[in-house]
Amino acid sequence: MLLRQCDSSFNGVHSAVPRRVKDFIDISEFTSLDDLIRYLETIRDNLPPECEAELKIRGDDVFGRRLTITYFREQTADEADLEAKYSDPQIENLRKELDDVPYEFKGRKTAPRG
């Protein structure tokens, strides 16, 4: 999942905020406790600084459960090249215009019961 790029402004000086990518690491439910601890320590020690790592349990009884670690990392050069190749300034301008449209959430409509 890519986060959109933001421009920050401080005293009239604009600087581009680098793009970050949300990455995932899945650990299956069939892992011994000792292996899990070693694996988590290795992951923690190799995460980039300020990565905002989170650990969640995902899945269900049908497909199985797994531990999922999500974290943010800087975009690689290849990812940045692909994004630049496929980005469209018109779509980006439209997105910015739509971000400024006021929206009021009125709740969910429900069908009458009868």
PDB file of N, CA and C in Angstrom:
ATOM      1  N   MET A   1       0.850  -1.165   0.000  1.00  0.00           N
ATOM      2  CA  MET A   1       0.000   0.000   0.000  1.00  0.00           C
ATOM      3  C   MET A   1       0.896   1.228   0.000  1.00  0.00           C
ATOM      4  N   LEU A   2       0.687   2.092  -0.925  1.00  0.00           N
ATOM      5  CA  LEU A   2       1.479   3.305  -1.001  1.00  0.00           C
ATOM      6  C   LEU A   2       0.740   4.446  -0.336  1.00  0.00           C
ATOM      7  N   LEU A   3       1.480   5.244   0.385  1.00  0.00           N
ATOM      8  CA  LEU A   3       0.910   6.455   0.948  1.00  0.00           C
ATOM      9  C   LEU A   3       1.102   7.564  -0.060  1.00  0.00           C
ATOM     10  N   ARG A   4       0.171   8.480  -0.118  1.00  0.00           N
ATOM     11  CA  ARG A   4       0.324   9.554  -1.092  1.00  0.00           C
ATOM     12  C   ARG A   4       1.365  10.549  -0.610  1.00  0.00           C
ATOM     13  N   GLN A   5       2.030  11.169  -1.544  1.00  0.00           N
ATOM     14  CA  GLN A   5       3.083  12.118  -1.230  1.00  0.00           C
ATOM     15  C   GLN A   5       2.473  13.426  -0.773  1.00  0.00           C
ATOM     16  N   CYS A   6       3.062  14.007   0.244  1.00  0.00           N
ATOM     17  CA  CYS A   6       2.578  15.270   0.781  1.00  0.00           C
ATOM     18  C   CYS A   6       3.671  16.309   0.628  1.00  0.00           C
ATOM     19  N   ASP A   7       3.278  17.524   0.383  1.00  0.00           N
ATOM     20  CA  ASP A   7       4.225  18.631   0.390  1.00  0.00           C
ATOM     21  C   ASP A   7       4.069  19.360   1.697  1.00  0.00           C
ATOM     22  N   SER A   8       5.177  19.580   2.369  1.00  0.00           N
ATOM     23  CA  SER A   8       5.105  20.332   3.613  1.00  0.00           C
ATOM     24  C   SER A   8       5.576  21.752   3.341  1.00  0.00           C
ATOM     25  N   SER A   9       5.004  22.689   4.056  1.00  0.00           N
ATOM     26  CA  SER A   9       5.363  24.082   3.871  1.00  0.00           C
ATOM     27  C   SER A   9       5.687  24.687   5.224  1.00  0.00           C
ATOM     28  N   PHE A  10       6.844  25.326   5.312  1.00  0.00           N
ATOM     29  CA  PHE A  10       7.247  25.982   6.538  1.00  0.00           C
ATOM     30  C   PHE A  10       7.858  27.316   6.142  1.00  0.00           C
ATOM     31  N   ASN A  11       7.212  28.390   6.549  1.00  0.00           N
ATOM     32  CA  ASN A  11       7.655  29.751   6.206  1.00  0.00           C
ATOM     33  C   ASN A  11       7.819  29.931   4.702  1.00  0.00           C
ATOM     34  N   GLY A  12       6.888  29.364   3.938  1.00  0.00           N
ATOM     35  CA  GLY A  12       6.904  29.564   2.490  1.00  0.00           C
ATOM     36  C   GLY A  12       7.865  28.659   1.750  1.00  0.00           C
ATOM     37  N   VAL A  13       8.622  27.811   2.460  1.00  0.00           N
ATOM     38  CA  VAL A  13       9.569  26.911   1.813  1.00  0.00           C
ATOM     39  C   VAL A  13       8.899  25.544   1.684  1.00  0.00           C
ATOM     40  N   HIS A  14       8.809  25.033   0.467  1.00  0.00           N
ATOM     41  CA  HIS A  14       8.172  23.735   0.234  1.00  0.00           C
ATOM     42  C   HIS A  14       9.245  22.666   0.120  1.00  0.00           C
ATOM     43  N   SER A  15       9.011  21.548   0.780  1.00  0.00           N
ATOM     44  CA  SER A  15       9.912  20.414   0.640  1.00  0.00           C
ATOM     45  C   SER A  15       9.067  19.157   0.522  1.00  0.00           C
ATOM     46  N   ALA A  16       9.444  18.279  -0.400  1.00  0.00           N
ATOM     47  CA  ALA A  16       8.683  17.055  -0.627  1.00  0.00           C
ATOM     48  C   ALA A  16       8.987  16.055   0.474  1.00  0.00           C
ATOM     49  N   VAL A  17       7.946  15.453   0.996  1.00  0.00           N
ATOM     50  CA  VAL A  17       8.097  14.406   1.995  1.00  0.00           C
ATOM     51  C   VAL A  17       8.318  13.104   1.231  1.00  0.00           C
ATOM     52  N   PRO A  18       9.340  12.320   1.598  1.00  0.00           N
ATOM     53  CA  PRO A  18       9.593  11.092   0.846  1.00  0.00           C
ATOM     54  C   PRO A  18       8.440  10.109   0.987  1.00  0.00           C
ATOM     55  N   ARG A  19       8.204   9.362  -0.075  1.00  0.00           N
ATOM     56  CA  ARG A  19       7.131   8.365  -0.068  1.00  0.00           C
ATOM     57  C   ARG A  19       7.558   7.176   0.779  1.00  0.00           C
ATOM     58  N   ARG A  20       6.576   6.619   1.485  1.00  0.00           N
ATOM     59  CA  ARG A  20       6.841   5.423   2.258  1.00  0.00           C
ATOM     60  C   ARG A  20       5.864   4.343   1.830  1.00  0.00           C
ATOM     61  N   VAL A  21       6.301   3.117   1.939  1.00  0.00           N
ATOM     62  CA  VAL A  21       5.518   1.964   1.529  1.00  0.00           C
ATOM     63  C   VAL A  21       5.192   1.157   2.771  1.00  0.00           C
ATOM     64  N   LYS A  22       3.953   0.685   2.867  1.00  0.00           N
ATOM     65  CA  LYS A  22       3.583  -0.190   3.978  1.00  0.00           C
ATOM     66  C   LYS A  22       3.879  -1.618   3.549  1.00  0.00           C
ATOM     67  N   ASP A  23       4.735  -2.279   4.301  1.00  0.00           N
ATOM     68  CA  ASP A  23       5.154  -3.633   3.982  1.00  0.00           C
ATOM     69  C   ASP A  23       4.587  -4.599   5.012  1.00  0.00           C
ATOM     70  N   PHE A  24       4.508  -5.888   4.661  1.00  0.00           N
ATOM     71  CA  PHE A  24       3.893  -6.899   5.514  1.00  0.00           C
ATOM     72  C   PHE A  24       4.830  -8.084   5.684  1.00  0.00           C
ATOM     73  N   ILE A  25       4.838  -8.655   6.877  1.00  0.00           N
ATOM     74  CA  ILE A  25       5.524  -9.918   7.143  1.00  0.00           C
ATOM     75  C   ILE A  25       4.502 -10.814   7.822  1.00  0.00           C
ATOM     76  N   ASP A  26       4.247 -11.987   7.255  1.00  0.00           N
ATOM     77  CA  ASP A  26       3.294 -12.937   7.826  1.00  0.00           C
ATOM     78  C   ASP A  26       4.048 -14.089   8.480  1.00  0.00           C
ATOM     79  N   ILE A  27       3.558 -14.519   9.643  1.00  0.00           N
ATOM     80  CA  ILE A  27       4.109 -15.663  10.351  1.00  0.00           C
ATOM     81  C   ILE A  27       2.966 -16.654  10.515  1.00  0.00           C
ATOM     82  N   SER A  28       3.151 -17.878  10.040  1.00  0.00           N
ATOM     83  CA  SER A  28       2.062 -18.856  10.097  1.00  0.00           C
ATOM     84  C   SER A  28       1.772 -19.261  11.530  1.00  0.00           C
ATOM     85  N   GLU A  29       0.619 -19.879  11.719  1.00  0.00           N
ATOM     86  CA  GLU A  29       0.224 -20.287  13.063  1.00  0.00           C
ATOM     87  C   GLU A  29       0.981 -21.526  13.523  1.00  0.00           C
ATOM     88  N   PHE A  30       1.684 -22.204  12.642  1.00  0.00           N
ATOM     89  CA  PHE A  30       2.401 -23.427  12.995  1.00  0.00           C
ATOM     90  C   PHE A  30       3.879 -23.124  13.229  1.00  0.00           C
ATOM     91  N   THR A  31       4.164 -22.343  14.259  1.00  0.00           N
ATOM     92  CA  THR A  31       5.525 -21.953  14.599  1.00  0.00           C
ATOM     93  C   THR A  31       5.730 -22.212  16.081  1.00  0.00           C
ATOM     94  N   SER A  32       6.869 -22.798  16.420  1.00  0.00           N
ATOM     95  CA  SER A  32       7.137 -23.028  17.840  1.00  0.00           C
ATOM     96  C   SER A  32       7.380 -21.693  18.537  1.00  0.00           C
ATOM     97  N   LEU A  33       7.183 -21.681  19.837  1.00  0.00           N
ATOM     98  CA  LEU A  33       7.358 -20.452  20.602  1.00  0.00           C
ATOM     99  C   LEU A  33       8.792 -19.953  20.523  1.00  0.00           C
ATOM    100  N   ASP A  34       9.767 -20.851  20.650  1.00  0.00           N
ATOM    101  CA  ASP A  34      11.177 -20.440  20.567  1.00  0.00           C
ATOM    102  C   ASP A  34      11.501 -19.855  19.194  1.00  0.00           C
ATOM    103  N   ASP A  35      11.000 -20.504  18.132  1.00  0.00           N
ATOM    104  CA  ASP A  35      11.230 -19.979  16.778  1.00  0.00           C
ATOM    105  C   ASP A  35      10.555 -18.626  16.601  1.00  0.00           C
ATOM    106  N   LEU A  36       9.351 -18.489  17.154  1.00  0.00           N
ATOM    107  CA  LEU A  36       8.622 -17.231  17.042  1.00  0.00           C
ATOM    108  C   LEU A  36       9.387 -16.098  17.723  1.00  0.00           C
ATOM    109  N   ILE A  37       9.897 -16.352  18.917  1.00  0.00           N
ATOM    110  CA  ILE A  37      10.650 -15.321  19.646  1.00  0.00           C
ATOM    111  C   ILE A  37      11.894 -14.931  18.867  1.00  0.00           C
ATOM    112  N   ARG A  38      12.652 -15.901  18.365  1.00  0.00           N
ATOM    113  CA  ARG A  38      13.863 -15.599  17.576  1.00  0.00           C
ATOM    114  C   ARG A  38      13.503 -14.815  16.309  1.00  0.00           C
ATOM    115  N   TYR A  39      12.417 -15.231  15.665  1.00  0.00           N
ATOM    116  CA  TYR A  39      11.988 -14.579  14.436  1.00  0.00           C
ATOM    117  C   TYR A  39      11.589 -13.130  14.704  1.00  0.00           C
ATOM    118  N   LEU A  40      10.804 -12.889  15.758  1.00  0.00           N
ATOM    119  CA  LEU A  40      10.387 -11.530  16.103  1.00  0.00           C
ATOM    120  C   LEU A  40      11.573 -10.654  16.483  1.00  0.00           C
ATOM    121  N   GLU A  41      12.538 -11.222  17.215  1.00  0.00           N
ATOM    122  CA  GLU A  41      13.738 -10.449  17.570  1.00  0.00           C
ATOM    123  C   GLU A  41      14.525 -10.070  16.324  1.00  0.00           C
ATOM    124  N   THR A  42      14.655 -10.997  15.381  1.00  0.00           N
ATOM    125  CA  THR A  42      15.375 -10.716  14.138  1.00  0.00           C
ATOM    126  C   THR A  42      14.670  -9.625  13.341  1.00  0.00           C
ATOM    127  N   ILE A  43      13.347  -9.727  13.253  1.00  0.00           N
ATOM    128  CA  ILE A  43      12.577  -8.706  12.529  1.00  0.00           C
ATOM    129  C   ILE A  43      12.759  -7.350  13.193  1.00  0.00           C
ATOM    130  N   ARG A  44      12.585  -7.309  14.524  1.00  0.00           N
ATOM    131  CA  ARG A  44      12.715  -6.038  15.266  1.00  0.00           C
ATOM    132  C   ARG A  44      14.081  -5.414  15.045  1.00  0.00           C
ATOM    133  N   ASP A  45      15.133  -6.216  15.102  1.00  0.00           N
ATOM    134  CA  ASP A  45      16.493  -5.694  14.964  1.00  0.00           C
ATOM    135  C   ASP A  45      16.797  -5.187  13.561  1.00  0.00           C
ATOM    136  N   ASN A  46      16.015  -5.629  12.562  1.00  0.00           N
ATOM    137  CA  ASN A  46      16.290  -5.232  11.176  1.00  0.00           C
ATOM    138  C   ASN A  46      15.278  -4.249  10.602  1.00  0.00           C
ATOM    139  N   LEU A  47      14.318  -3.807  11.404  1.00  0.00           N
ATOM    140  CA  LEU A  47      13.349  -2.827  10.917  1.00  0.00           C
ATOM    141  C   LEU A  47      13.997  -1.457  10.781  1.00  0.00           C
ATOM    142  N   PRO A  48      13.562  -0.676   9.800  1.00  0.00           N
ATOM    143  CA  PRO A  48      14.106   0.675   9.658  1.00  0.00           C
ATOM    144  C   PRO A  48      13.658   1.561  10.822  1.00  0.00           C
ATOM    145  N   PRO A  49      14.426   2.606  11.138  1.00  0.00           N
ATOM    146  CA  PRO A  49      14.014   3.507  12.223  1.00  0.00           C
ATOM    147  C   PRO A  49      12.696   4.198  11.883  1.00  0.00           C
ATOM    148  N   GLU A  50      11.917   4.489  12.916  1.00  0.00           N
ATOM    149  CA  GLU A  50      10.630   5.177  12.767  1.00  0.00           C
ATOM    150  C   GLU A  50       9.720   4.475  11.757  1.00  0.00           C
ATOM    151  N   CYS A  51       9.630   3.158  11.861  1.00  0.00           N
ATOM    152  CA  CYS A  51       8.847   2.384  10.899  1.00  0.00           C
ATOM    153  C   CYS A  51       7.401   2.174  11.334  1.00  0.00           C
ATOM    154  N   GLU A  52       7.066   2.532  12.576  1.00  0.00           N
ATOM    155  CA  GLU A  52       5.701   2.395  13.096  1.00  0.00           C
ATOM    156  C   GLU A  52       5.197   0.953  12.955  1.00  0.00           C
ATOM    157  N   ALA A  53       5.995  -0.003  13.399  1.00  0.00           N
ATOM    158  CA  ALA A  53       5.640  -1.423  13.267  1.00  0.00           C
ATOM    159  C   ALA A  53       4.463  -1.777  14.165  1.00  0.00           C
ATOM    160  N   GLU A  54       3.595  -2.670  13.650  1.00  0.00           N
ATOM    161  CA  GLU A  54       2.442  -3.171  14.395  1.00  0.00           C
ATOM    162  C   GLU A  54       2.361  -4.675  14.215  1.00  0.00           C
ATOM    163  N   LEU A  55       1.887  -5.357  15.255  1.00  0.00           N
ATOM    164  CA  LEU A  55       1.684  -6.792  15.202  1.00  0.00           C
ATOM    165  C   LEU A  55       0.204  -7.068  15.404  1.00  0.00           C
ATOM    166  N   LYS A  56      -0.391  -7.840  14.473  1.00  0.00           N
ATOM    167  CA  LYS A  56      -1.818  -8.170  14.566  1.00  0.00           C
ATOM    168  C   LYS A  56      -2.008  -9.650  14.280  1.00  0.00           C
ATOM    169  N   ILE A  57      -3.082 -10.203  14.827  1.00  0.00           N
ATOM    170  CA  ILE A  57      -3.482 -11.563  14.496  1.00  0.00           C
ATOM    171  C   ILE A  57      -4.558 -11.446  13.429  1.00  0.00           C
ATOM    172  N   ARG A  58      -4.363 -12.132  12.316  1.00  0.00           N
ATOM    173  CA  ARG A  58      -5.322 -12.054  11.212  1.00  0.00           C
ATOM    174  C   ARG A  58      -5.770 -13.455  10.825  1.00  0.00           C
ATOM    175  N   GLY A  59      -6.850 -13.520  10.098  1.00  0.00           N
ATOM    176  CA  GLY A  59      -7.337 -14.787   9.587  1.00  0.00           C
ATOM    177  C   GLY A  59      -8.596 -15.238  10.289  1.00  0.00           C
ATOM    178  N   ASP A  60      -8.955 -16.508  10.040  1.00  0.00           N
ATOM    179  CA  ASP A  60     -10.170 -17.063  10.632  1.00  0.00           C
ATOM    180  C   ASP A  60     -10.003 -18.570  10.785  1.00  0.00           C
ATOM    181  N   ASP A  61     -11.064 -19.232  11.257  1.00  0.00           N
ATOM    182  CA  ASP A  61     -11.004 -20.669  11.496  1.00  0.00           C
ATOM    183  C   ASP A  61     -10.937 -21.478  10.202  1.00  0.00           C
ATOM    184  N   VAL A  62     -11.442 -20.935   9.113  1.00  0.00           N
ATOM    185  CA  VAL A  62     -11.462 -21.663   7.843  1.00  0.00           C
ATOM    186  C   VAL A  62     -10.091 -21.631   7.174  1.00  0.00           C
ATOM    187  N   PHE A  63      -9.526 -20.453   7.030  1.00  0.00           N
ATOM    188  CA  PHE A  63      -8.257 -20.311   6.308  1.00  0.00           C
ATOM    189  C   PHE A  63      -7.046 -20.291   7.233  1.00  0.00           C
ATOM    190  N   GLY A  64      -7.275 -20.318   8.531  1.00  0.00           N
ATOM    191  CA  GLY A  64      -6.168 -20.314   9.483  1.00  0.00           C
ATOM    192  C   GLY A  64      -5.817 -18.914   9.931  1.00  0.00           C
ATOM    193  N   ARG A  65      -5.110 -18.852  11.015  1.00  0.00           N
ATOM    194  CA  ARG A  65      -4.688 -17.565  11.568  1.00  0.00           C
ATOM    195  C   ARG A  65      -3.195 -17.385  11.366  1.00  0.00           C
ATOM    196  N   ARG A  66      -2.770 -16.138  11.375  1.00  0.00           N
ATOM    197  CA  ARG A  66      -1.349 -15.830  11.240  1.00  0.00           C
ATOM    198  C   ARG A  66      -1.072 -14.522  11.958  1.00  0.00           C
ATOM    199  N   LEU A  67       0.158 -14.357  12.377  1.00  0.00           N
ATOM    200  CA  LEU A  67       0.604 -13.076  12.907  1.00  0.00           C
ATOM    201  C   LEU A  67       1.080 -12.250  11.725  1.00  0.00           C
ATOM    202  N   THR A  68       0.658 -11.010  11.675  1.00  0.00           N
ATOM    203  CA  THR A  68       1.076 -10.115  10.604  1.00  0.00           C
ATOM    204  C   THR A  68       1.749  -8.896  11.203  1.00  0.00           C
ATOM    205  N   ILE A  69       2.952  -8.635  10.758  1.00  0.00           N
ATOM    206  CA  ILE A  69       3.685  -7.439  11.171  1.00  0.00           C
ATOM    207  C   ILE A  69       3.632  -6.473   9.998  1.00  0.00           C
ATOM    208  N   THR A  70       3.151  -5.271  10.249  1.00  0.00           N
ATOM    209  CA  THR A  70       3.144  -4.237   9.220  1.00  0.00           C
ATOM    210  C   THR A  70       4.081  -3.132   9.665  1.00  0.00           C
ATOM    211  N   TYR A  71       4.760  -2.539   8.698  1.00  0.00           N
ATOM    212  CA  TYR A  71       5.681  -1.448   8.999  1.00  0.00           C
ATOM    213  C   TYR A  71       5.866  -0.593   7.750  1.00  0.00           C
ATOM    214  N   PHE A  72       6.319   0.624   7.967  1.00  0.00           N
ATOM    215  CA  PHE A  72       6.585   1.535   6.861  1.00  0.00           C
ATOM    216  C   PHE A  72       8.072   1.556   6.560  1.00  0.00           C
ATOM    217  N   ARG A  73       8.379   1.639   5.275  1.00  0.00           N
ATOM    218  CA  ARG A  73       9.763   1.765   4.827  1.00  0.00           C
ATOM    219  C   ARG A  73       9.810   2.757   3.677  1.00  0.00           C
ATOM    220  N   GLU A  74      11.001   3.263   3.416  1.00  0.00           N
ATOM    221  CA  GLU A  74      11.175   4.181   2.297  1.00  0.00           C
ATOM    222  C   GLU A  74      10.978   3.422   0.989  1.00  0.00           C
ATOM    223  N   GLN A  75      10.491   4.109  -0.003  1.00  0.00           N
ATOM    224  CA  GLN A  75      10.284   3.528  -1.319  1.00  0.00           C
ATOM    225  C   GLN A  75      11.633   3.224  -1.957  1.00  0.00           C
ATOM    226  N   THR A  76      11.749   2.073  -2.626  1.00  0.00           N
ATOM    227  CA  THR A  76      12.985   1.744  -3.327  1.00  0.00           C
ATOM    228  C   THR A  76      13.066   2.560  -4.617  1.00  0.00           C
ATOM    229  N   ALA A  77      14.253   2.601  -5.200  1.00  0.00           N
ATOM    230  CA  ALA A  77      14.437   3.331  -6.459  1.00  0.00           C
ATOM    231  C   ALA A  77      13.562   2.731  -7.566  1.00  0.00           C
ATOM    232  N   ASP A  78      13.474   1.400  -7.611  1.00  0.00           N
ATOM    233  CA  ASP A  78      12.630   0.746  -8.632  1.00  0.00           C
ATOM    234  C   ASP A  78      11.166   1.111  -8.446  1.00  0.00           C
ATOM    235  N   GLU A  79      10.691   1.121  -7.207  1.00  0.00           N
ATOM    236  CA  GLU A  79       9.296   1.485  -6.938  1.00  0.00           C
ATOM    237  C   GLU A  79       9.031   2.935  -7.323  1.00  0.00           C
ATOM    238  N   ALA A  80       9.975   3.821  -7.024  1.00  0.00           N
ATOM    239  CA  ALA A  80       9.815   5.235  -7.378  1.00  0.00           C
ATOM    240  C   ALA A  80       9.791   5.412  -8.892  1.00  0.00           C
ATOM    241  N   ASP A  81      10.645   4.667  -9.609  1.00  0.00           N
ATOM    242  CA  ASP A  81      10.657   4.741 -11.071  1.00  0.00           C
ATOM    243  C   ASP A  81       9.324   4.279 -11.658  1.00  0.00           C
ATOM    244  N   LEU A  82       8.797   3.164 -11.142  1.00  0.00           N
ATOM    245  CA  LEU A  82       7.505   2.672 -11.636  1.00  0.00           C
ATOM    246  C   LEU A  82       6.389   3.659 -11.346  1.00  0.00           C
ATOM    247  N   GLU A  83       6.407   4.234 -10.152  1.00  0.00           N
ATOM    248  CA  GLU A  83       5.364   5.198  -9.813  1.00  0.00           C
ATOM    249  C   GLU A  83       5.436   6.421 -10.726  1.00  0.00           C
ATOM    250  N   ALA A  84       6.647   6.903 -10.994  1.00  0.00           N
ATOM    251  CA  ALA A  84       6.811   8.060 -11.876  1.00  0.00           C
ATOM    252  C   ALA A  84       6.368   7.711 -13.300  1.00  0.00           C
ATOM    253  N   LYS A  85       6.654   6.489 -13.720  1.00  0.00           N
ATOM    254  CA  LYS A  85       6.298   6.048 -15.073  1.00  0.00           C
ATOM    255  C   LYS A  85       4.786   6.008 -15.272  1.00  0.00           C
ATOM    256  N   TYR A  86       4.063   5.563 -14.239  1.00  0.00           N
ATOM    257  CA  TYR A  86       2.624   5.374 -14.381  1.00  0.00           C
ATOM    258  C   TYR A  86       1.781   6.467 -13.737  1.00  0.00           C
ATOM    259  N   SER A  87       2.412   7.456 -13.172  1.00  0.00           N
ATOM    260  CA  SER A  87       1.622   8.527 -12.565  1.00  0.00           C
ATOM    261  C   SER A  87       1.099   9.454 -13.657  1.00  0.00           C
ATOM    262  N   ASP A  88      -0.062  10.024 -13.408  1.00  0.00           N
ATOM    263  CA  ASP A  88      -0.710  10.904 -14.374  1.00  0.00           C
ATOM    264  C   ASP A  88      -1.031  12.219 -13.671  1.00  0.00           C
ATOM    265  N   PRO A  89      -0.443  13.331 -14.116  1.00  0.00           N
ATOM    266  CA  PRO A  89      -0.689  14.619 -13.460  1.00  0.00           C
ATOM    267  C   PRO A  89      -2.157  15.016 -13.438  1.00  0.00           C
ATOM    268  N   GLN A  90      -2.918  14.653 -14.472  1.00  0.00           N
ATOM    269  CA  GLN A  90      -4.340  14.994 -14.500  1.00  0.00           C
ATOM    270  C   GLN A  90      -5.094  14.278 -13.385  1.00  0.00           C
ATOM    271  N   ILE A  91      -4.779  13.011 -13.157  1.00  0.00           N
ATOM    272  CA  ILE A  91      -5.435  12.261 -12.083  1.00  0.00           C
ATOM    273  C   ILE A  91      -5.038  12.839 -10.731  1.00  0.00           C
ATOM    274  N   GLU A  92      -3.784  13.197 -10.584  1.00  0.00           N
ATOM    275  CA  GLU A  92      -3.317  13.780  -9.316  1.00  0.00           C
ATOM    276  C   GLU A  92      -4.013  15.115  -9.051  1.00  0.00           C
ATOM    277  N   ASN A  93      -4.177  15.934 -10.080  1.00  0.00           N
ATOM    278  CA  ASN A  93      -4.890  17.210  -9.916  1.00  0.00           C
ATOM    279  C   ASN A  93      -6.358  16.981  -9.555  1.00  0.00           C
ATOM    280  N   LEU A  94      -6.991  16.005 -10.195  1.00  0.00           N
ATOM    281  CA  LEU A  94      -8.379  15.679  -9.883  1.00  0.00           C
ATOM    282  C   LEU A  94      -8.507  15.209  -8.431  1.00  0.00           C
ATOM    283  N   ARG A  95      -7.561  14.371  -7.968  1.00  0.00           N
ATOM    284  CA  ARG A  95      -7.573  13.901  -6.588  1.00  0.00           C
ATOM    285  C   ARG A  95      -7.479  15.066  -5.615  1.00  0.00           C
ATOM    286  N   LYS A  96      -6.610  16.016  -5.916  1.00  0.00           N
ATOM    287  CA  LYS A  96      -6.466  17.197  -5.048  1.00  0.00           C
ATOM    288  C   LYS A  96      -7.760  18.012  -5.016  1.00  0.00           C
ATOM    289  N   GLU A  97      -8.413  18.161  -6.175  1.00  0.00           N
ATOM    290  CA  GLU A  97      -9.681  18.889  -6.215  1.00  0.00           C
ATOM    291  C   GLU A  97     -10.750  18.163  -5.400  1.00  0.00           C
ATOM    292  N   LEU A  98     -10.810  16.845  -5.532  1.00  0.00           N
ATOM    293  CA  LEU A  98     -11.803  16.066  -4.798  1.00  0.00           C
ATOM    294  C   LEU A  98     -11.535  16.090  -3.292  1.00  0.00           C
ATOM    295  N   ASP A  99     -10.282  16.177  -2.896  1.00  0.00           N
ATOM    296  CA  ASP A  99      -9.952  16.268  -1.469  1.00  0.00           C
ATOM    297  C   ASP A  99     -10.534  17.533  -0.844  1.00  0.00           C
ATOM    298  N   ASP A 100     -10.736  18.563  -1.660  1.00  0.00           N
ATOM    299  CA  ASP A 100     -11.243  19.837  -1.150  1.00  0.00           C
ATOM    300  C   ASP A 100     -12.769  19.937  -1.173  1.00  0.00           C
ATOM    301  N   VAL A 101     -13.458  18.936  -1.744  1.00  0.00           N
ATOM    302  CA  VAL A 101     -14.916  18.959  -1.799  1.00  0.00           C
ATOM    303  C   VAL A 101     -15.477  18.625  -0.413  1.00  0.00           C
ATOM    304  N   PRO A 102     -16.326  19.503   0.132  1.00  0.00           N
ATOM    305  CA  PRO A 102     -16.899  19.201   1.454  1.00  0.00           C
ATOM    306  C   PRO A 102     -17.836  18.000   1.371  1.00  0.00           C
ATOM    307  N   TYR A 103     -17.802  17.177   2.395  1.00  0.00           N
ATOM    308  CA  TYR A 103     -18.642  15.987   2.429  1.00  0.00           C
ATOM    309  C   TYR A 103     -19.205  15.823   3.828  1.00  0.00           C
ATOM    310  N   GLU A 104     -20.489  15.576   3.878  1.00  0.00           N
ATOM    311  CA  GLU A 104     -21.143  15.365   5.166  1.00  0.00           C
ATOM    312  C   GLU A 104     -21.708  13.947   5.184  1.00  0.00           C
ATOM    313  N   PHE A 105     -21.237  13.129   6.126  1.00  0.00           N
ATOM    314  CA  PHE A 105     -21.707  11.751   6.248  1.00  0.00           C
ATOM    315  C   PHE A 105     -23.056  11.754   6.946  1.00  0.00           C
ATOM    316  N   LYS A 106     -24.061  11.169   6.307  1.00  0.00           N
ATOM    317  CA  LYS A 106     -25.417  11.197   6.866  1.00  0.00           C
ATOM    318  C   LYS A 106     -25.827   9.837   7.412  1.00  0.00           C
ATOM    319  N   GLY A 107     -24.916   8.920   7.516  1.00  0.00           N
ATOM    320  CA  GLY A 107     -25.263   7.603   8.054  1.00  0.00           C
ATOM    321  C   GLY A 107     -25.747   6.663   6.984  1.00  0.00           C
ATOM    322  N   ARG A 108     -26.017   5.446   7.387  1.00  0.00           N
ATOM    323  CA  ARG A 108     -26.450   4.404   6.483  1.00  0.00           C
ATOM    324  C   ARG A 108     -27.961   4.353   6.409  1.00  0.00           C
ATOM    325  N   LYS A 109     -28.482   4.250   5.212  1.00  0.00           N
ATOM    326  CA  LYS A 109     -29.924   4.098   5.044  1.00  0.00           C
ATOM    327  C   LYS A 109     -30.289   2.650   5.263  1.00  0.00           C
ATOM    328  N   THR A 110     -31.366   2.424   5.997  1.00  0.00           N
ATOM    329  CA  THR A 110     -31.821   1.064   6.239  1.00  0.00           C
ATOM    330  C   THR A 110     -33.190   0.870   5.631  1.00  0.00           C
ATOM    331  N   ALA A 111     -33.445  -0.333   5.188  1.00  0.00           N
ATOM    332  CA  ALA A 111     -34.750  -0.663   4.605  1.00  0.00           C
ATOM    333  C   ALA A 111     -35.756  -0.848   5.738  1.00  0.00           C
ATOM    334  N   PRO A 112     -36.999  -0.441   5.514  1.00  0.00           N
ATOM    335  CA  PRO A 112     -38.017  -0.641   6.561  1.00  0.00           C
ATOM    336  C   PRO A 112     -38.272  -2.133   6.762  1.00  0.00           C
ATOM    337  N   ARG A 113     -38.480  -2.501   8.006  1.00  0.00           N
ATOM    338  CA  ARG A 113     -38.782  -3.903   8.321  1.00  0.00           C
ATOM    339  C   ARG A 113     -40.281  -4.122   8.283  1.00  0.00           C
ATOM    340  N   GLY A 114     -40.666  -5.250   7.818  1.00  0.00           N
ATOM    341  CA  GLY A 114     -42.096  -5.454   7.763  1.00  0.00           C
ATOM    342  C   GLY A 114     -42.555  -6.824   7.618  1.00  0.00           C
TER     343      GLY A 114
END
